[in-house]
Amino acid sequence: MRNLITDVPGLKVGHAQDMRLGSGATAIVFDEPAIGSIDLRGGGPGTRETALLDPAQTVQGIDAIALSGGSAFGLDAASGVQAWLKEQGRGFAVRSARVPIVPAAILFDLLSGGDKDWGRFPPYRELGYAAAAAAGLDFALGSAGAGTGATTVNCKGGIGSASAQSPDGAIVGALAAVNAAGSVLVDTGPWFWAAPFEQNREFGGRSYPQPFPPRALAAQTKGTARTSTTLVVLATDAALTKAQAKRLAVMAQSGLSRAVYPVHTPLDGDVMFAVSTARRPLGDPLLALTELGTLAANVVARAIARGVFEAATLPFPGALKSWKDQFGR
């Protein structure tokens, strides 16, 4: 187990970023079309091809998911991922035509530093292509891919991932691009809200402060509309229907509540994808799914904390400092 989403058999992850731009893209590529659904809770989302994830829609399998910085400009990343998949002969078959199915979501990093004067066409299509081409079992955490320019209210954000195995052997993994309006830290840190769910000191082993500071319960936010989002892809090898994947996404949203405070605000575009690579039977459709969703929420909370813990301060004047620069010493 790598403690990464790629512990789930049947998927790979790739990043591409441009440090001069201060942004990037991440591709989650499935070996075979995967069953997926979505639960959207933030007040300012930016998505593409997510309507087909509704259990009532015709298309069952998706070929990849694209996450990107760049706000609405970043939705072009999905076109780059599609282009790479098309070169591999992947896609939904319509007689002789094939259309790769790539749902996508974006986060706002346009004010985090870097040169965003890209001319007529934004660079995210090429970043999406490069991310898909780079997909593998190992990938960077922190200030990489879609998390390159991510921030929270008081600490640099980034890409985090975590995984776990249920008692019956099912694997659950999460990848989070953490760009929340709120705080992943209790008070001003260094403690993480997700501390009770931490495994093997994966984000510093700081636990909760004693005594707990009452001021930590006051809402801290960036305070600017539509500039924040936490994007999560939750994957499992347990075989699920689209309706079950939807329920898993709903349950996994609790992980955001355990890791970010406040969460699901009008300022955020929080999105939870839930995907099954269907490598093993689920077991009891009610009890096993309940167990899986409980584990998924914990894994999501851990992935979010790791995204902040592993981030690095960007090399721009006035850039928000990372957790390690603030507390790592």
Protein backbone atom coordinates (compact mmCIF):
# COMPACT_ATOMS: atom_id res chain seq x y z
CA MET A 1 0.00 0.00 0.00
CA ARG A 2 1.42 3.37 -1.07
CA ASN A 3 -1.18 5.32 0.91
CA LEU A 4 -2.27 6.75 -2.44
CA ILE A 5 -5.44 6.48 -4.52
CA THR A 6 -3.47 4.25 -6.90
CA ASP A 7 -3.62 1.47 -4.29
CA VAL A 8 -7.05 0.90 -5.85
CA PRO A 9 -6.37 -1.48 -8.76
CA GLY A 10 -7.37 -0.19 -12.18
CA LEU A 11 -6.36 3.47 -12.17
CA LYS A 12 -3.34 5.73 -12.58
CA VAL A 13 -2.67 9.39 -11.78
CA GLY A 14 -0.59 11.96 -13.64
CA HIS A 15 0.28 15.60 -13.04
CA ALA A 16 1.46 18.44 -15.23
CA GLN A 17 2.27 21.92 -14.00
CA ASP A 18 3.92 25.12 -15.14
CA MET A 19 5.65 26.87 -12.26
CA ARG A 20 5.91 30.12 -14.22
CA LEU A 21 2.14 29.98 -14.65
CA GLY A 22 1.67 28.87 -11.04
CA SER A 23 -0.98 26.31 -12.01
CA GLY A 24 -1.46 22.83 -13.38
CA ALA A 25 -3.70 19.85 -14.08
CA THR A 26 -4.16 16.32 -12.78
CA ALA A 27 -5.55 13.33 -14.68
CA ILE A 28 -7.01 10.21 -13.06
CA VAL A 29 -7.01 7.62 -15.85
CA PHE A 30 -8.88 4.32 -15.58
CA ASP A 31 -7.52 1.16 -17.19
CA GLU A 32 -11.07 0.31 -18.30
CA PRO A 33 -14.26 2.42 -18.24
CA ALA A 34 -15.22 2.87 -14.58
CA ILE A 35 -18.60 3.36 -12.95
CA GLY A 36 -18.81 6.82 -11.39
CA SER A 37 -21.09 9.37 -9.82
CA ILE A 38 -20.80 12.77 -8.17
CA ASP A 39 -22.01 14.75 -5.18
CA LEU A 40 -21.66 18.52 -5.39
CA ARG A 41 -22.00 20.63 -2.24
CA GLY A 42 -20.09 23.89 -2.80
CA GLY A 43 -21.85 27.10 -3.77
CA GLY A 44 -19.59 28.02 -6.70
CA PRO A 45 -18.67 24.89 -8.70
CA GLY A 46 -17.03 24.62 -12.10
CA THR A 47 -17.54 21.29 -13.87
CA ARG A 48 -17.77 19.58 -17.25
CA GLU A 49 -19.52 16.36 -18.34
CA THR A 50 -20.87 15.73 -14.84
CA ALA A 51 -24.56 15.49 -15.80
CA LEU A 52 -23.91 12.04 -17.31
CA LEU A 53 -22.81 10.81 -13.85
CA ASP A 54 -26.41 10.89 -12.68
CA PRO A 55 -27.60 7.30 -12.20
CA ALA A 56 -30.47 7.90 -14.65
CA GLN A 57 -28.19 8.80 -17.57
CA THR A 58 -27.27 6.40 -20.36
CA VAL A 59 -23.48 6.35 -20.36
CA GLN A 60 -22.25 4.01 -17.63
CA GLY A 61 -18.46 4.12 -17.81
CA ILE A 62 -15.98 6.99 -17.69
CA ASP A 63 -12.43 6.85 -19.06
CA ALA A 64 -10.79 9.50 -16.89
CA ILE A 65 -11.37 12.47 -14.60
CA ALA A 66 -9.58 15.79 -15.09
CA LEU A 67 -8.90 18.23 -12.25
CA SER A 68 -7.37 21.60 -12.95
CA GLY A 69 -6.50 25.03 -11.71
CA GLY A 70 -7.33 28.06 -13.81
CA SER A 71 -10.97 28.53 -12.83
CA ALA A 72 -13.27 28.16 -15.87
CA PHE A 73 -10.28 28.37 -18.21
CA GLY A 74 -9.05 25.13 -16.67
CA LEU A 75 -11.98 23.15 -18.02
CA ASP A 76 -9.92 22.90 -21.21
CA ALA A 77 -7.76 20.34 -19.39
CA ALA A 78 -10.42 17.71 -20.07
CA SER A 79 -9.96 18.25 -23.82
CA GLY A 80 -6.27 17.44 -23.46
CA VAL A 81 -7.03 14.28 -21.50
CA GLN A 82 -9.59 13.34 -24.17
CA ALA A 83 -7.00 13.86 -26.90
CA TRP A 84 -4.57 11.50 -25.20
CA LEU A 85 -7.26 8.87 -24.65
CA LYS A 86 -8.35 9.11 -28.27
CA GLU A 87 -4.78 8.36 -29.34
CA GLN A 88 -5.01 5.18 -27.23
CA GLY A 89 -8.22 4.13 -29.00
CA ARG A 90 -10.29 4.72 -25.85
CA GLY A 91 -13.84 6.04 -25.63
CA PHE A 92 -17.57 5.38 -25.73
CA ALA A 93 -18.31 3.54 -28.96
CA VAL A 94 -20.93 4.92 -31.33
CA ARG A 95 -20.62 2.59 -34.36
CA SER A 96 -17.17 3.44 -35.77
CA ALA A 97 -16.70 6.55 -33.64
CA ARG A 98 -15.22 6.64 -30.15
CA VAL A 99 -15.70 9.48 -27.67
CA PRO A 100 -13.56 9.43 -24.50
CA ILE A 101 -15.71 10.32 -21.49
CA VAL A 102 -13.83 12.71 -19.18
CA PRO A 103 -15.77 14.51 -16.44
CA ALA A 104 -13.84 17.44 -15.03
CA ALA A 105 -13.81 20.00 -12.23
CA ILE A 106 -11.72 23.11 -11.65
CA LEU A 107 -10.48 25.27 -8.81
CA PHE A 108 -9.69 28.99 -8.70
CA ASP A 109 -5.99 29.82 -8.47
CA LEU A 110 -5.84 32.94 -10.65
CA LEU A 111 -4.76 35.16 -7.73
CA SER A 112 -2.14 32.86 -6.19
CA GLY A 113 0.79 34.27 -8.17
CA GLY A 114 2.42 33.41 -11.47
CA ASP A 115 2.05 34.73 -15.00
CA LYS A 116 -1.55 34.30 -16.08
CA ASP A 117 -1.13 36.46 -19.22
CA TRP A 118 -1.22 33.45 -21.54
CA GLY A 119 -2.53 35.17 -24.67
CA ARG A 120 -5.49 34.01 -26.75
CA PHE A 121 -5.72 30.40 -25.58
CA PRO A 122 -5.19 29.19 -22.01
CA PRO A 123 -2.57 26.44 -21.57
CA TYR A 124 -4.77 23.93 -19.78
CA ARG A 125 -5.52 21.68 -22.78
CA GLU A 126 -1.82 20.95 -23.16
CA LEU A 127 -1.42 20.53 -19.40
CA GLY A 128 -4.29 18.03 -19.41
CA TYR A 129 -2.67 16.06 -22.24
CA ALA A 130 0.69 16.01 -20.44
CA ALA A 131 -0.96 14.92 -17.18
CA ALA A 132 -2.71 11.99 -18.88
CA ALA A 133 0.49 10.95 -20.67
CA ALA A 134 2.36 11.00 -17.34
CA ALA A 135 -0.19 8.85 -15.48
CA GLY A 136 1.32 6.12 -13.33
CA LEU A 137 1.06 4.44 -9.95
CA ASP A 138 3.34 6.94 -8.17
CA PHE A 139 2.73 10.67 -8.23
CA ALA A 140 3.70 13.80 -6.33
CA LEU A 141 1.76 15.29 -3.43
CA GLY A 142 1.57 18.94 -2.40
CA SER A 143 2.19 21.73 -4.90
CA ALA A 144 1.78 19.65 -8.03
CA GLY A 145 -0.78 19.22 -10.79
CA ALA A 146 -4.14 20.79 -10.03
CA GLY A 147 -2.83 21.66 -6.55
CA THR A 148 0.06 23.80 -7.79
CA GLY A 149 -1.65 27.13 -7.10
CA ALA A 150 -4.11 25.91 -4.46
CA THR A 151 -4.44 27.77 -1.16
CA THR A 152 -6.54 27.76 2.00
CA VAL A 153 -7.35 30.74 4.22
CA ASN A 154 -4.10 30.51 6.18
CA CYS A 155 -1.84 27.94 4.52
CA LYS A 156 -0.73 26.77 1.08
CA GLY A 157 -2.99 24.04 -0.29
CA GLY A 158 -2.17 21.23 -2.66
CA ILE A 159 -2.69 17.64 -3.78
CA GLY A 160 -3.22 15.02 -1.08
CA SER A 161 -3.98 11.33 -1.22
CA ALA A 162 -4.63 8.45 1.17
CA SER A 163 -5.94 4.89 1.11
CA ALA A 164 -7.25 2.13 3.38
CA GLN A 165 -8.57 -1.41 3.21
CA SER A 166 -11.88 -2.60 4.63
CA PRO A 167 -12.11 -5.76 6.77
CA ASP A 168 -13.54 -7.67 3.80
CA GLY A 169 -10.60 -6.63 1.59
CA ALA A 170 -12.06 -3.76 -0.46
CA ILE A 171 -9.64 -0.90 -1.06
CA VAL A 172 -10.67 2.75 -0.85
CA GLY A 173 -8.46 5.61 -1.99
CA ALA A 174 -8.91 9.37 -2.28
CA LEU A 175 -7.16 12.16 -4.13
CA ALA A 176 -7.92 15.74 -3.05
CA ALA A 177 -7.00 19.08 -4.59
CA VAL A 178 -7.29 21.35 -1.54
CA ASN A 179 -8.12 24.98 -2.28
CA ALA A 180 -10.67 25.58 0.47
CA ALA A 181 -12.17 28.92 1.50
CA GLY A 182 -11.91 27.74 5.10
CA SER A 183 -9.09 26.30 7.18
CA VAL A 184 -7.64 22.79 7.32
CA LEU A 185 -5.89 23.83 10.55
CA VAL A 186 -7.33 24.20 14.04
CA ASP A 187 -7.05 27.89 14.99
CA THR A 188 -3.84 29.10 13.30
CA GLY A 189 -2.16 25.69 13.42
CA PRO A 190 -0.14 23.58 13.44
CA TRP A 191 -2.90 21.10 14.31
CA PHE A 192 -5.14 19.59 11.64
CA TRP A 193 -8.91 19.22 11.99
CA ALA A 194 -8.46 15.71 10.56
CA ALA A 195 -6.09 14.69 13.39
CA PRO A 196 -8.33 11.93 14.88
CA PHE A 197 -8.20 10.04 11.56
CA GLU A 198 -4.44 10.29 10.97
CA GLN A 199 -2.48 7.10 10.25
CA ASN A 200 1.25 6.66 10.91
CA ARG A 201 1.98 10.38 11.39
CA GLU A 202 1.14 10.98 7.71
CA PHE A 203 0.58 14.69 8.37
CA GLY A 204 2.87 15.33 11.29
CA GLY A 205 1.26 13.52 14.22
CA ARG A 206 0.32 16.75 16.03
CA SER A 207 -3.07 15.58 17.40
CA TYR A 208 -5.38 18.34 18.81
CA PRO A 209 -4.24 21.24 21.02
CA GLN A 210 -4.81 20.91 24.76
CA PRO A 211 -6.71 22.85 25.89
CA PHE A 212 -8.75 23.34 22.74
CA PRO A 213 -8.79 27.06 21.82
CA PRO A 214 -12.41 28.38 21.76
CA ARG A 215 -11.48 30.89 19.05
CA ALA A 216 -10.81 27.96 16.70
CA LEU A 217 -14.57 27.58 16.23
CA ALA A 218 -14.87 31.03 14.65
CA ALA A 219 -15.25 30.85 10.87
CA GLN A 220 -12.10 31.84 8.99
CA THR A 221 -12.53 32.20 5.22
CA LYS A 222 -10.80 33.84 2.29
CA GLY A 223 -13.89 36.03 2.02
CA THR A 224 -13.97 36.36 -1.78
CA ALA A 225 -16.77 34.72 -3.72
CA ARG A 226 -16.06 31.85 -6.13
CA THR A 227 -12.31 31.72 -5.44
CA SER A 228 -12.15 28.42 -3.56
CA THR A 229 -12.85 24.72 -3.96
CA THR A 230 -11.85 21.31 -2.66
CA LEU A 231 -11.99 18.71 -5.42
CA VAL A 232 -11.97 15.04 -4.42
CA VAL A 233 -11.88 11.80 -6.38
CA LEU A 234 -12.82 8.80 -4.22
CA ALA A 235 -12.15 5.38 -5.75
CA THR A 236 -12.75 1.77 -4.74
CA ASP A 237 -12.22 -1.64 -6.29
CA ALA A 238 -15.58 -2.85 -4.94
CA ALA A 239 -18.10 -3.32 -7.75
CA LEU A 240 -20.79 -0.63 -7.54
CA THR A 241 -23.75 0.51 -9.59
CA LYS A 242 -24.04 4.20 -10.44
CA ALA A 243 -26.66 4.56 -7.72
CA GLN A 244 -24.32 2.97 -5.17
CA ALA A 245 -21.47 5.19 -6.34
CA LYS A 246 -23.73 8.18 -5.75
CA ARG A 247 -24.43 7.04 -2.19
CA LEU A 248 -20.71 6.50 -1.63
CA ALA A 249 -20.02 10.06 -2.81
CA VAL A 250 -22.66 11.41 -0.40
CA MET A 251 -21.13 9.52 2.53
CA ALA A 252 -17.58 10.51 1.57
CA GLN A 253 -18.53 14.21 1.72
CA SER A 254 -18.41 13.81 5.50
CA GLY A 255 -14.66 13.63 5.10
CA LEU A 256 -14.59 17.26 3.98
CA SER A 257 -16.52 18.19 7.12
CA ARG A 258 -13.90 16.39 9.22
CA ALA A 259 -10.97 18.14 7.54
CA VAL A 260 -12.11 21.66 6.55
CA TYR A 261 -13.78 24.33 8.73
CA PRO A 262 -16.05 25.87 7.57
CA VAL A 263 -16.93 23.74 4.57
CA HIS A 264 -19.40 23.72 1.63
CA THR A 265 -19.67 27.51 1.82
CA PRO A 266 -21.09 29.85 -0.84
CA LEU A 267 -17.43 30.65 -1.60
CA ASP A 268 -16.47 27.04 -2.43
CA GLY A 269 -17.10 24.76 -5.39
CA ASP A 270 -16.66 21.50 -3.48
CA VAL A 271 -17.07 18.40 -5.65
CA MET A 272 -16.87 14.71 -4.73
CA PHE A 273 -16.45 12.12 -7.48
CA ALA A 274 -16.92 8.47 -6.46
CA VAL A 275 -15.67 5.79 -8.83
CA SER A 276 -15.62 1.99 -8.90
CA THR A 277 -13.06 -0.01 -10.85
CA ALA A 278 -15.16 -3.13 -10.08
CA ARG A 279 -12.31 -5.54 -9.39
CA ARG A 280 -14.07 -7.36 -6.51
CA PRO A 281 -17.70 -8.04 -5.51
CA LEU A 282 -19.25 -5.65 -3.01
CA GLY A 283 -20.86 -8.18 -0.68
CA ASP A 284 -24.05 -7.19 1.14
CA PRO A 285 -25.41 -4.20 -0.84
CA LEU A 286 -26.46 -2.31 2.31
CA LEU A 287 -24.05 -3.28 5.07
CA ALA A 288 -20.94 -3.48 2.88
CA LEU A 289 -21.72 -0.14 1.25
CA THR A 290 -22.24 1.42 4.69
CA GLU A 291 -18.87 0.12 5.83
CA LEU A 292 -17.24 1.34 2.62
CA GLY A 293 -18.73 4.82 2.95
CA THR A 294 -17.63 5.11 6.57
CA LEU A 295 -14.07 4.22 5.61
CA ALA A 296 -14.22 6.53 2.58
CA ALA A 297 -15.04 9.59 4.68
CA ASN A 298 -12.01 8.94 6.90
CA VAL A 299 -9.75 8.46 3.88
CA VAL A 300 -10.97 11.73 2.34
CA ALA A 301 -10.23 13.63 5.56
CA ARG A 302 -6.70 12.22 5.62
CA ALA A 303 -6.10 13.05 1.95
CA ILE A 304 -7.12 16.67 2.51
CA ALA A 305 -4.76 17.09 5.49
CA ARG A 306 -1.91 15.50 3.51
CA GLY A 307 -2.48 17.96 0.67
CA VAL A 308 -1.73 20.87 2.98
CA PHE A 309 1.01 19.07 4.92
CA GLU A 310 2.94 18.18 1.75
CA ALA A 311 2.56 21.54 -0.04
CA ALA A 312 5.47 23.88 -0.76
CA THR A 313 5.39 27.69 -0.81
CA LEU A 314 5.31 29.00 -4.39
CA PRO A 315 8.28 31.16 -5.48
CA PHE A 316 6.27 34.34 -5.96
CA PRO A 317 6.34 37.60 -3.99
CA GLY A 318 3.74 37.52 -1.21
CA ALA A 319 2.92 33.83 -1.77
CA LEU A 320 1.02 32.16 1.06
CA LYS A 321 3.42 30.09 3.14
CA SER A 322 3.17 26.33 3.35
CA TRP A 323 2.54 24.34 6.54
CA LYS A 324 6.15 23.15 6.52
CA ASP A 325 7.50 26.68 6.21
CA GLN A 326 5.28 27.83 9.06
CA PHE A 327 5.52 24.86 11.41
CA GLY A 328 7.85 22.19 10.02
CA ARG A 329 10.91 23.40 11.86
